[in-house]
């Protein structure tokens, strides 16, 4: 089976806090190309940015606003062609759209674990604090302040980065440990926005990159040929 994996769109309500960064028509063309070339497309979390809702605690209604702002994109993403796994910025999708936190795909003798990966991030242990920072950042952007850039840069600096030495980060160690526990040959994550394909022992650790702020990164995964490659689209 040929699968494409995309994550971290951070699709918002279309106001100044929306960090999606794509013209809707161009992104639809990107999705059309994926649909034409892959049997399944996996949405690996943080597809919708619900933590940046104007009111704290209104993440459920924020889905409706995002749908209104990007109707054609959302219509495609919620179609049966896509497998939706939630992340930490769209965790409410587990209730609204029935999105699980992980999916295990078995095909051609391969077991592939797909999960956003926020639970591997030590910052997520204080989820309320992280969510508050996102909400404050969204309001800073709405008000036209430059502090948002500094806030996002500071947050990015704290994100686990994928280094060259195998198992050099806790993020990788936890991901591989989960793959071992679930008997998976491959673990695919998003969350860090850092594309990566690396073999660690008998297993593969993969990060699919990100599709926000003008980036078009996706994982090309073929279970028949057992090949994996993170690609960009333009």
Protein backbone atom coordinates (compact mmCIF):
# COMPACT_ATOMS: atom_id res chain seq x y z
CA UNK A 1 0.00 0.00 0.00
CA UNK A 2 1.19 3.49 -0.83
CA UNK A 3 0.52 5.97 1.97
CA UNK A 4 1.19 9.67 2.37
CA UNK A 5 1.49 11.18 5.84
CA UNK A 6 1.04 14.90 6.56
CA UNK A 7 0.93 16.65 9.91
CA UNK A 8 0.98 20.02 11.65
CA UNK A 9 -1.19 22.11 9.33
CA UNK A 10 -2.37 24.27 12.27
CA UNK A 11 -5.37 25.24 10.17
CA UNK A 12 -7.11 28.14 11.90
CA UNK A 13 -10.21 30.32 11.63
CA UNK A 14 -8.77 32.62 8.96
CA UNK A 15 -8.04 35.62 11.17
CA UNK A 16 -4.66 37.16 12.06
CA UNK A 17 -3.93 34.28 14.43
CA UNK A 18 -4.22 31.68 11.65
CA UNK A 19 -0.70 30.31 11.09
CA UNK A 20 -1.69 27.94 8.27
CA UNK A 21 0.09 30.20 5.78
CA UNK A 22 -1.26 28.70 2.53
CA UNK A 23 -3.60 29.96 -0.16
CA UNK A 24 -6.53 27.54 0.02
CA UNK A 25 -6.65 26.80 -3.71
CA UNK A 26 -2.98 25.84 -3.81
CA UNK A 27 -3.35 23.58 -0.79
CA UNK A 28 -6.33 21.87 -2.40
CA UNK A 29 -4.12 21.17 -5.44
CA UNK A 30 -1.55 19.64 -3.10
CA UNK A 31 -4.22 17.40 -1.57
CA UNK A 32 -5.49 16.43 -5.03
CA UNK A 33 -2.01 15.29 -6.02
CA UNK A 34 -1.74 13.18 -2.88
CA UNK A 35 -5.17 11.68 -3.55
CA UNK A 36 -4.16 10.84 -7.12
CA UNK A 37 -0.94 9.09 -6.11
CA UNK A 38 -1.64 7.40 -2.77
CA UNK A 39 -4.15 4.84 -1.60
CA UNK A 40 -4.42 6.37 1.87
CA UNK A 41 -3.47 9.72 3.36
CA UNK A 42 -2.79 9.94 7.09
CA UNK A 43 -3.38 13.19 8.97
CA UNK A 44 -0.94 12.88 11.85
CA UNK A 45 -2.15 15.49 14.31
CA UNK A 46 -2.33 19.26 14.81
CA UNK A 47 -4.41 19.45 11.65
CA UNK A 48 -6.66 22.10 13.19
CA UNK A 49 -5.49 24.88 15.52
CA UNK A 50 -8.20 24.88 18.16
CA UNK A 51 -6.05 26.04 21.08
CA UNK A 52 -5.88 29.52 19.56
CA UNK A 53 -9.65 30.09 19.86
CA UNK A 54 -10.54 33.63 20.99
CA UNK A 55 -12.15 32.28 24.15
CA UNK A 56 -10.43 29.81 26.44
CA UNK A 57 -12.26 26.50 26.63
CA UNK A 58 -14.14 26.96 23.35
CA UNK A 59 -12.16 24.43 21.34
CA UNK A 60 -15.25 22.46 20.30
CA UNK A 61 -16.93 25.47 18.68
CA UNK A 62 -13.61 26.48 17.15
CA UNK A 63 -13.85 23.48 14.80
CA UNK A 64 -17.00 25.03 13.33
CA UNK A 65 -15.25 28.35 12.73
CA UNK A 66 -12.29 26.64 11.06
CA UNK A 67 -14.64 24.67 8.82
CA UNK A 68 -16.33 27.92 7.75
CA UNK A 69 -12.98 29.59 7.03
CA UNK A 70 -11.57 26.72 4.91
CA UNK A 71 -14.61 24.72 3.69
CA UNK A 72 -13.04 22.96 0.67
CA UNK A 73 -9.89 21.93 2.53
CA UNK A 74 -11.80 20.67 5.57
CA UNK A 75 -14.27 18.81 3.37
CA UNK A 76 -11.43 16.85 1.83
CA UNK A 77 -9.60 16.22 5.08
CA UNK A 78 -12.71 14.70 6.68
CA UNK A 79 -13.48 12.42 3.73
CA UNK A 80 -12.98 8.60 3.88
CA UNK A 81 -9.72 8.89 1.89
CA UNK A 82 -8.02 10.21 5.01
CA UNK A 83 -7.08 8.61 8.33
CA UNK A 84 -7.19 11.23 11.09
CA UNK A 85 -4.99 10.89 14.20
CA UNK A 86 -5.27 13.81 16.64
CA UNK A 87 -2.43 15.80 18.20
CA UNK A 88 -2.25 18.23 21.11
CA UNK A 89 -3.49 21.32 19.24
CA UNK A 90 -6.55 19.45 17.95
CA UNK A 91 -7.07 16.97 20.78
CA UNK A 92 -10.79 17.79 20.83
CA UNK A 93 -11.03 15.95 17.48
CA UNK A 94 -11.19 12.72 19.44
CA UNK A 95 -14.70 13.74 20.55
CA UNK A 96 -15.80 15.80 17.55
CA UNK A 97 -14.46 13.58 14.76
CA UNK A 98 -13.59 10.33 16.55
CA UNK A 99 -9.87 10.76 15.86
CA UNK A 100 -7.70 8.32 17.86
CA UNK A 101 -4.32 9.15 19.41
CA UNK A 102 -2.58 6.39 17.44
CA UNK A 103 -3.21 3.96 14.58
CA UNK A 104 -1.41 0.69 13.85
CA UNK A 105 -1.38 -0.23 10.16
CA UNK A 106 -0.44 -3.75 9.05
CA UNK A 107 0.28 -4.42 5.38
CA UNK A 108 2.67 -6.65 3.40
CA UNK A 109 4.22 -8.00 6.59
CA UNK A 110 4.90 -4.54 8.04
CA UNK A 111 3.49 -3.02 11.22
CA UNK A 112 3.49 0.79 11.19
CA UNK A 113 2.59 2.81 14.29
CA UNK A 114 1.31 6.31 13.50
CA UNK A 115 1.00 8.83 16.34
CA UNK A 116 1.44 12.60 16.59
CA UNK A 117 4.02 12.25 19.35
CA UNK A 118 3.11 15.07 21.75
CA UNK A 119 3.03 12.56 24.60
CA UNK A 120 6.78 12.05 23.98
CA UNK A 121 7.38 15.78 24.61
CA UNK A 122 8.21 16.79 28.19
CA UNK A 123 6.51 20.16 27.62
CA UNK A 124 3.20 18.37 27.14
CA UNK A 125 3.40 17.08 30.72
CA UNK A 126 2.21 20.59 31.71
CA UNK A 127 -0.51 20.60 29.07
CA UNK A 128 -2.52 23.45 30.58
CA UNK A 129 0.57 25.70 30.56
CA UNK A 130 1.41 24.84 26.97
CA UNK A 131 -2.21 25.45 25.91
CA UNK A 132 -2.23 28.81 27.70
CA UNK A 133 0.96 29.85 25.90
CA UNK A 134 -0.63 29.01 22.53
CA UNK A 135 -3.79 30.97 23.42
CA UNK A 136 -1.80 34.03 24.53
CA UNK A 137 0.31 33.82 21.39
CA UNK A 138 -2.81 33.77 19.22
CA UNK A 139 -4.17 36.89 20.90
CA UNK A 140 -0.82 38.63 20.55
CA UNK A 141 -0.97 38.00 16.84
CA UNK A 142 -4.56 39.24 16.59
CA UNK A 143 -3.55 42.46 18.32
CA UNK A 144 -0.65 42.94 15.93
CA UNK A 145 2.10 42.57 18.53
CA UNK A 146 5.59 41.35 17.64
CA UNK A 147 5.83 39.31 20.84
CA UNK A 148 4.24 36.35 19.07
CA UNK A 149 7.38 35.78 17.02
CA UNK A 150 9.49 35.77 20.17
CA UNK A 151 7.02 33.44 21.90
CA UNK A 152 7.01 30.98 19.01
CA UNK A 153 10.81 31.11 18.73
CA UNK A 154 11.17 30.36 22.43
CA UNK A 155 8.71 27.48 22.16
CA UNK A 156 10.50 26.10 19.10
CA UNK A 157 13.82 26.24 20.93
CA UNK A 158 12.35 24.03 23.65
CA UNK A 159 10.95 21.49 21.21
CA UNK A 160 12.88 18.21 21.04
CA UNK A 161 15.18 18.27 18.01
CA UNK A 162 16.22 15.22 16.05
CA UNK A 163 19.98 14.90 16.28
CA UNK A 164 22.36 12.78 14.25
CA UNK A 165 23.24 10.23 16.93
CA UNK A 166 20.62 7.47 17.29
CA UNK A 167 18.39 7.69 20.36
CA UNK A 168 19.99 11.01 21.35
CA UNK A 169 16.69 12.55 22.43
CA UNK A 170 14.02 11.44 24.81
CA UNK A 171 11.51 11.96 22.03
CA UNK A 172 13.17 9.29 19.92
CA UNK A 173 13.73 6.95 22.86
CA UNK A 174 10.08 7.10 23.90
CA UNK A 175 8.87 6.67 20.33
CA UNK A 176 11.06 3.62 19.75
CA UNK A 177 10.06 2.16 23.12
CA UNK A 178 6.39 2.49 22.18
CA UNK A 179 7.07 0.87 18.80
CA UNK A 180 8.75 -2.04 20.57
CA UNK A 181 5.86 -2.38 23.01
CA UNK A 182 3.33 -2.41 20.16
CA UNK A 183 5.43 -4.76 18.01
CA UNK A 184 5.77 -2.15 15.25
CA UNK A 185 8.55 -2.12 12.67
CA UNK A 186 8.12 1.62 12.00
CA UNK A 187 6.97 4.51 14.18
CA UNK A 188 5.88 7.71 12.43
CA UNK A 189 5.43 10.98 14.34
CA UNK A 190 4.80 14.66 13.71
CA UNK A 191 4.86 17.39 16.41
CA UNK A 192 8.51 18.50 16.20
CA UNK A 193 8.18 19.89 12.64
CA UNK A 194 11.58 18.26 11.96
CA UNK A 195 11.45 15.80 9.02
CA UNK A 196 13.52 12.69 9.60
CA UNK A 197 13.90 9.09 8.42
CA UNK A 198 16.30 7.03 10.52
CA UNK A 199 16.84 3.33 11.14
CA UNK A 200 17.53 2.57 14.78
CA UNK A 201 18.39 -1.05 15.37
CA UNK A 202 15.70 -3.14 13.71
CA UNK A 203 13.15 -0.31 13.59
CA UNK A 204 12.58 2.94 11.72
CA UNK A 205 11.91 6.28 13.40
CA UNK A 206 10.25 8.77 11.04
CA UNK A 207 8.99 12.32 11.39
CA UNK A 208 6.76 13.57 8.59
CA UNK A 209 7.72 17.25 8.88
CA UNK A 210 5.06 19.98 8.72
CA UNK A 211 2.55 21.59 6.36
CA UNK A 212 2.07 25.05 7.88
CA UNK A 213 3.63 28.50 7.40
CA UNK A 214 4.08 27.84 3.70
CA UNK A 215 5.74 24.42 4.07
CA UNK A 216 4.58 21.40 2.04
CA UNK A 217 6.27 18.36 3.57
CA UNK A 218 4.89 14.84 3.48
CA UNK A 219 6.03 11.28 4.05
CA UNK A 220 5.93 8.90 1.07
CA UNK A 221 5.57 5.39 2.50
CA UNK A 222 5.29 2.20 0.42
CA UNK A 223 4.73 -1.06 2.29
CA UNK A 224 5.23 -3.15 -0.86
CA UNK A 225 8.76 -1.91 -1.48
CA UNK A 226 9.40 -1.09 2.20
CA UNK A 227 10.63 2.40 1.33
CA UNK A 228 10.18 5.68 3.20
CA UNK A 229 11.03 9.21 2.09
CA UNK A 230 10.05 12.68 3.32
CA UNK A 231 9.38 14.89 0.31
CA UNK A 232 8.49 18.51 -0.37
CA UNK A 233 5.91 19.81 -2.83
CA UNK A 234 5.72 23.13 -4.61
